[in-house]
Amino acid sequence: MTDEMELDRAWQRVAATARRAVADGLVVGAAGNVSERVGDLVVVTPSGVRYGDLGPEERVVVDLDGRQVAGRLRPTSELALHLGVYRTTGARAVVHTHAVHATAVSALVDEVPPVHYITAELGGVVRVAPYATYGTQELADHVLHALRDRAGCLMRNHGTVTHGPDLETAYERTAHLEWICRVWLLARGAGNPSLLSHEEMDRVVEKFRGYGQPGRGEGRTG
């Protein structure tokens, strides 16, 4: 049985992550969405509420079938996407943003060009999911396909989706994905950037599997 205090703590993390996304310029207003899985329940941001207005009363909780079990507001319109990630991966957190540079890149390519090795933190070359209307099962299906063996992807003409074992990791992956896209756009604007080979990407992905300090998260670099 999931403890109410557990859900409250998860909501505090979800709301703080959403506000952080605004502060870091990854979303504007109520764009994007954040969730955390707690047992067989998911704590998720509500639809159409500005992140600066998120308080205890805005907490929304659903089960893995999408049935709302707590909260007076409707869950995010991208609920199918979040639940799909939880059903098909071991993720405990999902972050979706409309980050400017990543969204721009999503309109230009089918894969994010591997201009930096940090791309490997997402599991390899990042795919771009085909466009579909927001909030639809079609979009969720496209995203789940693009996330095969990956911790993040772009959504065509839309934004980013990343997941992780906790919200801190999922958010860092979003920030890194936006940074990679910004670097590539800057390099592309200045000339013809060199890219890492698939062989090198495979090597770095493997190195990342054992990177960092035991018990201090995964995928950290530096």
Protein backbone atom coordinates (compact mmCIF):
# COMPACT_ATOMS: atom_id res chain seq x y z
CA MET A 1 0.00 0.00 0.00
CA THR A 2 1.47 3.36 -1.00
CA ASP A 3 1.91 5.75 1.91
CA GLU A 4 0.32 9.24 1.64
CA MET A 5 3.55 10.77 2.89
CA GLU A 6 5.38 9.01 0.09
CA LEU A 7 3.02 10.54 -2.46
CA ASP A 8 3.38 13.97 -0.86
CA ARG A 9 7.17 13.77 -1.04
CA ALA A 10 6.98 12.64 -4.66
CA TRP A 11 4.69 15.59 -5.45
CA GLN A 12 7.14 18.00 -3.84
CA ARG A 13 9.88 16.62 -6.11
CA VAL A 14 7.64 16.77 -9.18
CA ALA A 15 6.59 20.37 -8.49
CA ALA A 16 10.17 21.44 -7.73
CA THR A 17 11.41 19.85 -10.96
CA ALA A 18 8.68 21.60 -12.96
CA ARG A 19 9.62 24.96 -11.45
CA ARG A 20 13.29 24.25 -12.14
CA ALA A 21 12.45 23.63 -15.81
CA VAL A 22 10.88 27.10 -15.99
CA ALA A 23 13.84 28.72 -14.23
CA ASP A 24 16.27 27.00 -16.61
CA GLY A 25 14.29 28.11 -19.67
CA LEU A 26 13.29 24.59 -20.73
CA VAL A 27 9.56 25.35 -20.60
CA VAL A 28 7.32 28.42 -20.62
CA GLY A 29 4.16 28.73 -18.51
CA ALA A 30 2.42 25.36 -18.30
CA ALA A 31 4.19 23.72 -21.26
CA GLY A 32 5.70 20.27 -20.76
CA ASN A 33 5.02 17.87 -17.90
CA VAL A 34 6.76 15.94 -15.12
CA SER A 35 5.93 12.71 -13.30
CA GLU A 36 7.32 10.25 -10.77
CA ARG A 37 6.29 6.65 -10.23
CA VAL A 38 5.59 5.54 -6.65
CA GLY A 39 4.84 1.83 -6.54
CA ASP A 40 1.88 1.23 -8.86
CA LEU A 41 0.88 4.90 -8.82
CA VAL A 42 2.13 7.92 -10.74
CA VAL A 43 2.32 11.46 -9.38
CA VAL A 44 2.04 13.86 -12.32
CA THR A 45 1.62 17.55 -13.08
CA PRO A 46 -1.92 18.72 -13.89
CA SER A 47 -3.00 19.97 -17.30
CA GLY A 48 -2.81 23.68 -18.06
CA VAL A 49 -1.52 24.93 -14.70
CA ARG A 50 1.47 27.28 -14.66
CA TYR A 51 4.34 25.71 -12.76
CA GLY A 52 4.71 28.72 -10.50
CA ASP A 53 1.20 27.99 -9.22
CA LEU A 54 1.83 24.37 -8.24
CA GLY A 55 1.00 23.78 -4.59
CA PRO A 56 -0.34 20.87 -2.50
CA GLU A 57 -3.84 21.34 -3.93
CA GLU A 58 -2.57 20.78 -7.48
CA ARG A 59 -1.24 17.28 -6.77
CA VAL A 60 -2.58 14.66 -9.19
CA VAL A 61 -2.17 10.88 -8.75
CA VAL A 62 -3.18 8.18 -11.24
CA ASP A 63 -2.71 4.44 -11.44
CA LEU A 64 -0.86 2.70 -14.27
CA ASP A 65 -4.13 2.33 -16.19
CA GLY A 66 -4.67 6.08 -16.09
CA ARG A 67 -7.46 6.08 -13.51
CA GLN A 68 -7.25 9.16 -11.30
CA VAL A 69 -7.03 8.22 -7.64
CA ALA A 70 -6.25 11.61 -6.09
CA GLY A 71 -6.50 15.29 -6.95
CA ARG A 72 -9.23 17.63 -8.16
CA LEU A 73 -7.49 18.69 -11.40
CA ARG A 74 -7.13 16.75 -14.63
CA PRO A 75 -3.72 15.13 -15.23
CA THR A 76 -1.43 16.29 -18.03
CA SER A 77 -2.69 15.81 -21.58
CA GLU A 78 0.41 13.67 -22.23
CA LEU A 79 -0.57 11.10 -19.61
CA ALA A 80 -0.56 8.25 -22.18
CA LEU A 81 3.06 9.03 -22.96
CA HIS A 82 4.13 8.96 -19.29
CA LEU A 83 2.25 5.75 -18.54
CA GLY A 84 3.64 4.10 -21.66
CA VAL A 85 7.19 4.82 -20.49
CA TYR A 86 6.47 3.35 -17.05
CA ARG A 87 4.87 0.23 -18.50
CA THR A 88 7.70 -0.50 -20.95
CA THR A 89 10.82 0.56 -19.04
CA GLY A 90 12.19 0.48 -15.52
CA ALA A 91 11.88 4.27 -15.28
CA ARG A 92 10.79 5.91 -12.04
CA ALA A 93 10.59 9.46 -13.45
CA VAL A 94 9.72 11.17 -16.75
CA VAL A 95 10.37 14.76 -17.87
CA HIS A 96 8.88 16.32 -21.01
CA THR A 97 9.86 19.85 -22.08
CA HIS A 98 9.57 22.26 -24.99
CA ALA A 99 13.25 23.24 -24.78
CA VAL A 100 14.04 25.77 -27.53
CA HIS A 101 17.17 24.32 -29.13
CA ALA A 102 15.98 20.71 -28.92
CA THR A 103 12.65 21.65 -30.47
CA ALA A 104 14.46 23.46 -33.29
CA VAL A 105 16.63 20.40 -33.95
CA SER A 106 13.54 18.16 -33.95
CA ALA A 107 12.32 20.04 -37.03
CA LEU A 108 15.60 19.49 -38.91
CA VAL A 109 16.81 15.90 -38.48
CA ASP A 110 15.67 12.32 -37.85
CA GLU A 111 18.48 11.72 -35.33
CA VAL A 112 20.37 14.20 -33.18
CA PRO A 113 23.87 14.43 -34.72
CA PRO A 114 26.40 13.05 -32.17
CA VAL A 115 28.49 16.20 -31.85
CA HIS A 116 29.56 15.36 -28.29
CA TYR A 117 30.11 12.16 -26.33
CA ILE A 118 27.58 13.19 -23.67
CA THR A 119 25.00 11.89 -26.18
CA ALA A 120 25.90 8.43 -24.86
CA GLU A 121 24.25 9.29 -21.55
CA LEU A 122 20.93 8.85 -23.39
CA GLY A 123 21.97 5.34 -24.49
CA GLY A 124 23.26 6.21 -27.97
CA VAL A 125 22.34 8.45 -30.88
CA VAL A 126 19.07 10.19 -29.97
CA ARG A 127 16.13 9.55 -32.29
CA VAL A 128 13.38 11.96 -33.32
CA ALA A 129 9.86 10.56 -32.95
CA PRO A 130 7.54 11.35 -35.90
CA TYR A 131 5.05 14.15 -35.40
CA ALA A 132 1.54 13.47 -34.09
CA THR A 133 -1.00 15.71 -32.39
CA TYR A 134 -0.17 16.34 -28.74
CA GLY A 135 -1.98 14.27 -26.15
CA THR A 136 -2.79 11.39 -28.50
CA GLN A 137 -2.03 7.69 -28.25
CA GLU A 138 -0.42 7.99 -31.68
CA LEU A 139 2.15 10.41 -30.28
CA ALA A 140 2.77 8.19 -27.27
CA ASP A 141 3.35 5.20 -29.58
CA HIS A 142 5.82 7.18 -31.71
CA VAL A 143 7.73 8.25 -28.61
CA LEU A 144 7.90 4.74 -27.14
CA HIS A 145 9.31 3.49 -30.45
CA ALA A 146 11.96 6.24 -30.47
CA LEU A 147 12.87 5.41 -26.85
CA ARG A 148 13.84 1.79 -27.57
CA ASP A 149 17.13 1.25 -25.67
CA ARG A 150 17.31 4.99 -25.05
CA ALA A 151 16.71 7.23 -22.04
CA GLY A 152 15.53 10.14 -24.16
CA CYS A 153 14.30 11.28 -27.55
CA LEU A 154 13.06 14.33 -29.41
CA MET A 155 9.46 14.73 -30.59
CA ARG A 156 9.15 16.22 -34.08
CA ASN A 157 8.14 19.90 -33.93
CA HIS A 158 7.36 19.47 -30.23
CA GLY A 159 10.14 18.96 -27.68
CA THR A 160 11.97 16.41 -25.54
CA VAL A 161 11.20 13.35 -23.42
CA THR A 162 13.67 11.78 -21.00
CA HIS A 163 13.33 9.24 -18.22
CA GLY A 164 15.47 7.89 -15.42
CA PRO A 165 15.66 6.02 -12.11
CA ASP A 166 14.81 9.28 -10.30
CA LEU A 167 13.75 12.82 -11.16
CA GLU A 168 17.23 14.28 -10.73
CA THR A 169 18.65 11.93 -13.36
CA ALA A 170 15.72 12.38 -15.74
CA TYR A 171 16.05 16.15 -15.47
CA GLU A 172 19.83 16.11 -16.00
CA ARG A 173 19.28 14.07 -19.15
CA THR A 174 16.82 16.68 -20.41
CA ALA A 175 19.29 19.47 -19.72
CA HIS A 176 22.10 17.55 -21.44
CA LEU A 177 19.92 16.82 -24.47
CA GLU A 178 19.08 20.52 -24.80
CA TRP A 179 22.81 21.37 -24.47
CA ILE A 180 23.77 18.87 -27.18
CA CYS A 181 21.18 20.34 -29.53
CA ARG A 182 22.41 23.86 -28.82
CA VAL A 183 26.03 22.87 -29.49
CA TRP A 184 25.10 21.26 -32.80
CA LEU A 185 23.06 24.26 -33.93
CA LEU A 186 25.93 26.62 -33.08
CA ALA A 187 28.49 24.40 -34.84
CA ARG A 188 26.22 23.93 -37.86
CA GLY A 189 25.72 27.67 -38.15
CA ALA A 190 29.48 28.20 -38.23
CA GLY A 191 30.35 25.46 -40.69
CA ASN A 192 30.34 21.69 -41.14
CA PRO A 193 30.78 20.14 -37.67
CA SER A 194 32.64 16.87 -37.19
CA LEU A 195 30.58 14.09 -35.61
CA LEU A 196 31.48 11.07 -33.52
CA SER A 197 31.35 7.73 -35.30
CA HIS A 198 28.86 5.02 -34.35
CA GLU A 199 31.81 2.92 -33.19
CA GLU A 200 32.96 5.67 -30.83
CA MET A 201 29.42 6.17 -29.57
CA ASP A 202 29.20 2.45 -28.78
CA ARG A 203 32.49 2.68 -26.83
CA VAL A 204 31.31 5.65 -24.78
CA VAL A 205 27.92 4.06 -24.06
CA GLU A 206 29.77 1.06 -22.66
CA LYS A 207 32.08 3.27 -20.56
CA PHE A 208 29.06 5.07 -19.11
CA ARG A 209 27.68 1.79 -17.76
CA GLY A 210 30.33 1.74 -15.03
CA TYR A 211 30.90 5.48 -14.66
CA GLY A 212 30.63 7.48 -11.44
CA GLN A 213 30.56 6.60 -7.76
CA PRO A 214 28.59 3.59 -6.48
CA GLY A 215 25.23 4.63 -5.05
CA ARG A 216 25.37 8.17 -6.44
CA GLY A 217 23.19 7.85 -9.52
CA GLU A 218 23.95 6.87 -13.08
CA GLY A 219 25.17 8.62 -16.18
CA ARG A 220 27.11 11.42 -14.44
CA THR A 221 30.09 12.68 -16.42
CA GLY A 222 33.09 14.82 -15.70
